[in-house]
Amino acid sequence: MNGQQRSSIKPGIEVDIVLKQDQRTGKLTRGIVKDILTNSPNHPHGIKVRLADGQVGRVKNILTK
């Protein structure tokens, strides 16, 4: 499942994100969502979130429903 819809992302779910510095390579970072930072209902590049460990990036895959 991709991370373009804000409604499908909730705090506590496990996701893969792309960090700002990894956008060129597409390297994914896995973590648990702490905060949702994008206010719009959808975003073509993925909803921006903050993980429990403090890293910020855009959601590419949702691993848990």
C-alpha atoms as a PDB file:
ATOM      1  CA  MET A   1       0.000   0.000   0.000  1.00  0.00           C
ATOM      2  CA  ASN A   2       1.435   3.390  -0.868  1.00  0.00           C
ATOM      3  CA  GLY A   3       1.566   6.402   1.433  1.00  0.00           C
ATOM      4  CA  GLN A   4      -0.164   9.050  -0.673  1.00  0.00           C
ATOM      5  CA  GLN A   5      -3.466   9.096   1.264  1.00  0.00           C
ATOM      6  CA  ARG A   6      -3.392  10.754   4.691  1.00  0.00           C
ATOM      7  CA  SER A   7      -6.450   8.760   5.823  1.00  0.00           C
ATOM      8  CA  SER A   8      -4.524   5.461   5.557  1.00  0.00           C
ATOM      9  CA  ILE A   9      -1.720   6.616   7.885  1.00  0.00           C
ATOM     10  CA  LYS A  10      -2.171   6.590  11.669  1.00  0.00           C
ATOM     11  CA  PRO A  11       0.299   7.003  14.536  1.00  0.00           C
ATOM     12  CA  GLY A  12       1.633   3.622  15.651  1.00  0.00           C
ATOM     13  CA  ILE A  13       1.687   1.874  12.255  1.00  0.00           C
ATOM     14  CA  GLU A  14       4.885   0.579  10.657  1.00  0.00           C
ATOM     15  CA  VAL A  15       5.938   2.282   7.418  1.00  0.00           C
ATOM     16  CA  ASP A  16       8.844   2.657   5.001  1.00  0.00           C
ATOM     17  CA  ILE A  17       9.850   6.285   4.390  1.00  0.00           C
ATOM     18  CA  VAL A  18      12.349   8.093   2.184  1.00  0.00           C
ATOM     19  CA  LEU A  19      14.429  10.626   4.093  1.00  0.00           C
ATOM     20  CA  LYS A  20      15.232  13.980   2.444  1.00  0.00           C
ATOM     21  CA  GLN A  21      18.895  13.031   1.948  1.00  0.00           C
ATOM     22  CA  ASP A  22      17.879   9.666   0.409  1.00  0.00           C
ATOM     23  CA  GLN A  23      15.446  11.027  -2.208  1.00  0.00           C
ATOM     24  CA  ARG A  24      17.936  10.631  -5.072  1.00  0.00           C
ATOM     25  CA  THR A  25      18.811   7.023  -4.249  1.00  0.00           C
ATOM     26  CA  GLY A  26      15.332   6.020  -3.051  1.00  0.00           C
ATOM     27  CA  LYS A  27      16.771   4.288   0.032  1.00  0.00           C
ATOM     28  CA  LEU A  28      13.956   3.320   2.409  1.00  0.00           C
ATOM     29  CA  THR A  29      13.980   3.662   6.194  1.00  0.00           C
ATOM     30  CA  ARG A  30      11.575   1.562   8.277  1.00  0.00           C
ATOM     31  CA  GLY A  31       9.934   2.806  11.464  1.00  0.00           C
ATOM     32  CA  ILE A  32       6.824   3.478  13.513  1.00  0.00           C
ATOM     33  CA  VAL A  33       4.814   6.658  12.810  1.00  0.00           C
ATOM     34  CA  LYS A  34       4.783   9.149  15.690  1.00  0.00           C
ATOM     35  CA  ASP A  35       3.357  12.291  14.012  1.00  0.00           C
ATOM     36  CA  ILE A  36       1.744  13.085  10.655  1.00  0.00           C
ATOM     37  CA  LEU A  37       3.222  16.334   9.315  1.00  0.00           C
ATOM     38  CA  THR A  38       1.304  16.770   6.022  1.00  0.00           C
ATOM     39  CA  ASN A  39      -2.041  18.545   6.459  1.00  0.00           C
ATOM     40  CA  SER A  40      -3.530  17.899   3.011  1.00  0.00           C
ATOM     41  CA  PRO A  41      -5.628  14.717   2.487  1.00  0.00           C
ATOM     42  CA  ASN A  42      -3.197  13.405  -0.155  1.00  0.00           C
ATOM     43  CA  HIS A  43       0.228  14.155  -1.602  1.00  0.00           C
ATOM     44  CA  PRO A  44       1.748  12.798  -4.847  1.00  0.00           C
ATOM     45  CA  HIS A  45       5.181  12.171  -3.270  1.00  0.00           C
ATOM     46  CA  GLY A  46       3.839  10.625  -0.060  1.00  0.00           C
ATOM     47  CA  ILE A  47       2.576  11.944   3.254  1.00  0.00           C
ATOM     48  CA  LYS A  48       5.347  13.449   5.401  1.00  0.00           C
ATOM     49  CA  VAL A  49       5.663  11.839   8.845  1.00  0.00           C
ATOM     50  CA  ARG A  50       7.940  11.834  11.887  1.00  0.00           C
ATOM     51  CA  LEU A  51       8.989   8.400  13.089  1.00  0.00           C
ATOM     52  CA  ALA A  52       9.245   7.360  16.744  1.00  0.00           C
ATOM     53  CA  ASP A  53      13.044   7.781  16.527  1.00  0.00           C
ATOM     54  CA  GLY A  54      12.681  11.392  15.279  1.00  0.00           C
ATOM     55  CA  GLN A  55      13.497  10.893  11.583  1.00  0.00           C
ATOM     56  CA  VAL A  56      11.285  12.767   9.094  1.00  0.00           C
ATOM     57  CA  GLY A  57      10.429  11.610   5.595  1.00  0.00           C
ATOM     58  CA  ARG A  58       7.706  10.769   3.098  1.00  0.00           C
ATOM     59  CA  VAL A  59       5.798   7.481   3.337  1.00  0.00           C
ATOM     60  CA  LYS A  60       6.408   5.081   0.438  1.00  0.00           C
ATOM     61  CA  ASN A  61       4.962   1.836   1.850  1.00  0.00           C
ATOM     62  CA  ILE A  62       2.523   1.047   4.650  1.00  0.00           C
ATOM     63  CA  LEU A  63       3.422  -2.260   6.286  1.00  0.00           C
ATOM     64  CA  THR A  64       0.703  -2.630   8.941  1.00  0.00           C
ATOM     65  CA  LYS A  65      -2.964  -1.729   8.581  1.00  0.00           C
END
